[in-house]
Amino acid sequence: MQNFTLFIGRLGLSLIFILSGIGKLMAWHATEEVLIAHGLPPGLLPLVVFAELGGGLAVLCGLLTRWAAVGLFVYTLLAAMIFHNNFADHEQWINFMKNFAIAGGFLVLVVHGAGGLSIDAWRRYRKQKQKIFF
């Protein structure tokens, strides 16, 4: 049951980033304008898409999960501080707190890993199996 629960948790954490990364790809120029409006260079957009799409897919599949979770933890906190820092606006405060909660979920993955339903577990199994024969 723990492996299934970890998979569902990874699914929940990763989908928002995968869908957001796809959305940024589909609206590239509009996303560049958002970055510019917040004082960031539009050249960061490929890195943002890589973090969201690549990190989200890595967490979903359980591939290098702890590393992906650390990266998305940092990314999520930075996004909260840069894009949701107007605490006088209640919506921005809620979005900041949501980002903070998502970052906490990534810390849980850093500590516990992806679980048995993951590429990480499959790679560990294959590595242990090779040790038996060699």
C-alpha atoms as a PDB file:
ATOM      1  CA  MET A   1       0.000   0.000   0.000  1.00  0.00           C
ATOM      2  CA  GLN A   2       2.900   2.371   0.750  1.00  0.00           C
ATOM      3  CA  ASN A   3       4.283   2.059  -2.785  1.00  0.00           C
ATOM      4  CA  PHE A   4       0.883   2.805  -4.313  1.00  0.00           C
ATOM      5  CA  THR A   5       0.401   5.785  -1.989  1.00  0.00           C
ATOM      6  CA  LEU A   6       3.822   7.180  -2.921  1.00  0.00           C
ATOM      7  CA  PHE A   7       2.940   6.776  -6.600  1.00  0.00           C
ATOM      8  CA  ILE A   8      -0.359   8.662  -6.150  1.00  0.00           C
ATOM      9  CA  GLY A   9       1.529  11.392  -4.269  1.00  0.00           C
ATOM     10  CA  ARG A  10       4.085  11.628  -7.078  1.00  0.00           C
ATOM     11  CA  LEU A  11       1.265  11.796  -9.609  1.00  0.00           C
ATOM     12  CA  GLY A  12      -0.395  14.649  -7.734  1.00  0.00           C
ATOM     13  CA  LEU A  13       2.806  16.618  -7.306  1.00  0.00           C
ATOM     14  CA  SER A  14       3.998  16.110 -10.870  1.00  0.00           C
ATOM     15  CA  LEU A  15       0.838  16.790 -12.882  1.00  0.00           C
ATOM     16  CA  ILE A  16       0.700  20.495 -12.060  1.00  0.00           C
ATOM     17  CA  PHE A  17       4.274  20.904 -13.331  1.00  0.00           C
ATOM     18  CA  ILE A  18       3.843  18.753 -16.435  1.00  0.00           C
ATOM     19  CA  LEU A  19       0.672  20.596 -17.459  1.00  0.00           C
ATOM     20  CA  SER A  20       2.216  23.968 -16.663  1.00  0.00           C
ATOM     21  CA  GLY A  21       5.325  23.136 -18.708  1.00  0.00           C
ATOM     22  CA  ILE A  22       3.164  22.118 -21.670  1.00  0.00           C
ATOM     23  CA  GLY A  23       1.148  25.304 -21.262  1.00  0.00           C
ATOM     24  CA  LYS A  24       4.310  27.401 -21.353  1.00  0.00           C
ATOM     25  CA  LEU A  25       5.443  25.609 -24.521  1.00  0.00           C
ATOM     26  CA  MET A  26       2.080  26.304 -26.145  1.00  0.00           C
ATOM     27  CA  ALA A  27       2.110  29.985 -25.117  1.00  0.00           C
ATOM     28  CA  TRP A  28       5.817  30.701 -25.409  1.00  0.00           C
ATOM     29  CA  HIS A  29       5.606  34.424 -26.224  1.00  0.00           C
ATOM     30  CA  ALA A  30       2.941  35.146 -23.623  1.00  0.00           C
ATOM     31  CA  THR A  31       5.068  33.412 -20.999  1.00  0.00           C
ATOM     32  CA  GLU A  32       8.091  35.488 -22.041  1.00  0.00           C
ATOM     33  CA  GLU A  33       5.978  38.601 -21.422  1.00  0.00           C
ATOM     34  CA  VAL A  34       5.125  37.379 -17.920  1.00  0.00           C
ATOM     35  CA  LEU A  35       8.811  36.874 -17.163  1.00  0.00           C
ATOM     36  CA  ILE A  36       9.634  40.356 -18.469  1.00  0.00           C
ATOM     37  CA  ALA A  37       6.799  41.880 -16.407  1.00  0.00           C
ATOM     38  CA  HIS A  38       8.387  40.391 -13.288  1.00  0.00           C
ATOM     39  CA  GLY A  39      11.835  41.716 -14.168  1.00  0.00           C
ATOM     40  CA  LEU A  40      13.251  38.404 -15.395  1.00  0.00           C
ATOM     41  CA  PRO A  41      15.032  37.816 -18.709  1.00  0.00           C
ATOM     42  CA  PRO A  42      12.973  35.882 -21.262  1.00  0.00           C
ATOM     43  CA  GLY A  43      16.042  33.711 -21.847  1.00  0.00           C
ATOM     44  CA  LEU A  44      15.124  31.887 -18.623  1.00  0.00           C
ATOM     45  CA  LEU A  45      12.074  30.357 -20.279  1.00  0.00           C
ATOM     46  CA  PRO A  46      13.833  27.218 -21.615  1.00  0.00           C
ATOM     47  CA  LEU A  47      15.143  26.544 -18.105  1.00  0.00           C
ATOM     48  CA  VAL A  48      11.671  27.081 -16.642  1.00  0.00           C
ATOM     49  CA  VAL A  49      10.107  24.661 -19.148  1.00  0.00           C
ATOM     50  CA  PHE A  50      12.864  22.112 -18.495  1.00  0.00           C
ATOM     51  CA  ALA A  51      12.335  22.392 -14.733  1.00  0.00           C
ATOM     52  CA  GLU A  52       8.573  22.016 -14.974  1.00  0.00           C
ATOM     53  CA  LEU A  53       8.293  19.445 -17.746  1.00  0.00           C
ATOM     54  CA  GLY A  54      11.509  17.526 -17.107  1.00  0.00           C
ATOM     55  CA  GLY A  55      11.252  17.633 -13.337  1.00  0.00           C
ATOM     56  CA  GLY A  56       7.563  16.781 -13.410  1.00  0.00           C
ATOM     57  CA  LEU A  57       8.114  13.786 -15.691  1.00  0.00           C
ATOM     58  CA  ALA A  58      11.056  12.599 -13.590  1.00  0.00           C
ATOM     59  CA  VAL A  59       8.961  12.708 -10.408  1.00  0.00           C
ATOM     60  CA  LEU A  60       6.013  11.031 -12.130  1.00  0.00           C
ATOM     61  CA  CYS A  61       8.136   8.163 -13.440  1.00  0.00           C
ATOM     62  CA  GLY A  62      10.256   7.977 -10.312  1.00  0.00           C
ATOM     63  CA  LEU A  63      13.511   8.627 -12.167  1.00  0.00           C
ATOM     64  CA  LEU A  64      16.255  10.265 -10.086  1.00  0.00           C
ATOM     65  CA  THR A  65      13.371  11.218  -7.845  1.00  0.00           C
ATOM     66  CA  ARG A  66      15.325  12.682  -4.961  1.00  0.00           C
ATOM     67  CA  TRP A  67      17.331  14.958  -7.270  1.00  0.00           C
ATOM     68  CA  ALA A  68      14.236  16.019  -9.210  1.00  0.00           C
ATOM     69  CA  ALA A  69      12.417  16.690  -5.935  1.00  0.00           C
ATOM     70  CA  VAL A  70      15.272  18.887  -4.664  1.00  0.00           C
ATOM     71  CA  GLY A  71      15.235  20.838  -7.938  1.00  0.00           C
ATOM     72  CA  LEU A  72      11.470  21.299  -7.898  1.00  0.00           C
ATOM     73  CA  PHE A  73      11.569  22.223  -4.190  1.00  0.00           C
ATOM     74  CA  VAL A  74      13.948  25.096  -4.949  1.00  0.00           C
ATOM     75  CA  TYR A  75      12.074  26.046  -8.142  1.00  0.00           C
ATOM     76  CA  THR A  76       8.714  26.113  -6.336  1.00  0.00           C
ATOM     77  CA  LEU A  77       9.990  28.307  -3.513  1.00  0.00           C
ATOM     78  CA  LEU A  78      11.617  30.705  -5.988  1.00  0.00           C
ATOM     79  CA  ALA A  79       8.394  30.870  -8.009  1.00  0.00           C
ATOM     80  CA  ALA A  80       6.439  31.639  -4.838  1.00  0.00           C
ATOM     81  CA  MET A  81       8.801  34.443  -3.839  1.00  0.00           C
ATOM     82  CA  ILE A  82       9.012  35.986  -7.314  1.00  0.00           C
ATOM     83  CA  PHE A  83       5.473  35.631  -8.646  1.00  0.00           C
ATOM     84  CA  HIS A  84       3.277  35.474  -5.522  1.00  0.00           C
ATOM     85  CA  ASN A  85       4.831  37.979  -3.144  1.00  0.00           C
ATOM     86  CA  ASN A  86       2.026  40.551  -2.946  1.00  0.00           C
ATOM     87  CA  PHE A  87       0.556  39.421   0.367  1.00  0.00           C
ATOM     88  CA  ALA A  88      -1.935  42.301   0.398  1.00  0.00           C
ATOM     89  CA  ASP A  89      -3.690  40.467  -2.466  1.00  0.00           C
ATOM     90  CA  HIS A  90      -5.475  37.493  -0.908  1.00  0.00           C
ATOM     91  CA  GLU A  91      -5.225  35.432  -4.123  1.00  0.00           C
ATOM     92  CA  GLN A  92      -1.468  35.928  -4.202  1.00  0.00           C
ATOM     93  CA  TRP A  93      -1.216  34.929  -0.543  1.00  0.00           C
ATOM     94  CA  ILE A  94      -3.160  31.717  -1.283  1.00  0.00           C
ATOM     95  CA  ASN A  95      -0.923  30.942  -4.286  1.00  0.00           C
ATOM     96  CA  PHE A  96       2.171  31.580  -2.169  1.00  0.00           C
ATOM     97  CA  MET A  97       0.918  29.166   0.488  1.00  0.00           C
ATOM     98  CA  LYS A  98       0.032  26.543  -2.160  1.00  0.00           C
ATOM     99  CA  ASN A  99       3.568  26.754  -3.521  1.00  0.00           C
ATOM    100  CA  PHE A 100       4.915  26.436   0.010  1.00  0.00           C
ATOM    101  CA  ALA A 101       2.778  23.303   0.565  1.00  0.00           C
ATOM    102  CA  ILE A 102       3.884  21.772  -2.750  1.00  0.00           C
ATOM    103  CA  ALA A 103       7.512  22.437  -1.795  1.00  0.00           C
ATOM    104  CA  GLY A 104       6.869  20.531   1.437  1.00  0.00           C
ATOM    105  CA  GLY A 105       5.607  17.578  -0.589  1.00  0.00           C
ATOM    106  CA  PHE A 106       8.857  17.571  -2.530  1.00  0.00           C
ATOM    107  CA  LEU A 107      10.829  17.457   0.722  1.00  0.00           C
ATOM    108  CA  VAL A 108       8.902  14.314   1.666  1.00  0.00           C
ATOM    109  CA  LEU A 109      10.027  12.744  -1.621  1.00  0.00           C
ATOM    110  CA  VAL A 110      13.617  13.800  -0.932  1.00  0.00           C
ATOM    111  CA  VAL A 111      13.516  11.912   2.370  1.00  0.00           C
ATOM    112  CA  HIS A 112      11.472   8.854   1.365  1.00  0.00           C
ATOM    113  CA  GLY A 113      12.269   8.484  -2.332  1.00  0.00           C
ATOM    114  CA  ALA A 114       9.879   7.327  -5.017  1.00  0.00           C
ATOM    115  CA  GLY A 115       8.872   3.977  -3.552  1.00  0.00           C
ATOM    116  CA  GLY A 116       8.625   0.606  -5.254  1.00  0.00           C
ATOM    117  CA  LEU A 117       6.515   1.703  -8.225  1.00  0.00           C
ATOM    118  CA  SER A 118       9.282   3.689  -9.874  1.00  0.00           C
ATOM    119  CA  ILE A 119      12.180   3.552 -12.285  1.00  0.00           C
ATOM    120  CA  ASP A 120      14.485   4.194  -9.317  1.00  0.00           C
ATOM    121  CA  ALA A 121      13.263   0.970  -7.647  1.00  0.00           C
ATOM    122  CA  TRP A 122      13.590  -0.967 -10.890  1.00  0.00           C
ATOM    123  CA  ARG A 123      17.177   0.290 -11.339  1.00  0.00           C
ATOM    124  CA  ARG A 124      18.027  -0.661  -7.732  1.00  0.00           C
ATOM    125  CA  TYR A 125      16.575  -4.137  -8.293  1.00  0.00           C
ATOM    126  CA  ARG A 126      18.593  -4.662 -11.486  1.00  0.00           C
ATOM    127  CA  LYS A 127      21.776  -3.449  -9.792  1.00  0.00           C
ATOM    128  CA  GLN A 128      21.284  -5.843  -6.864  1.00  0.00           C
ATOM    129  CA  LYS A 129      20.480  -8.679  -9.246  1.00  0.00           C
ATOM    130  CA  GLN A 130      23.753  -8.070 -11.108  1.00  0.00           C
ATOM    131  CA  LYS A 131      25.716  -8.220  -7.840  1.00  0.00           C
ATOM    132  CA  ILE A 132      24.358 -11.705  -7.180  1.00  0.00           C
ATOM    133  CA  PHE A 133      25.694 -13.029 -10.481  1.00  0.00           C
ATOM    134  CA  PHE A 134      29.065 -11.221 -10.501  1.00  0.00           C
END
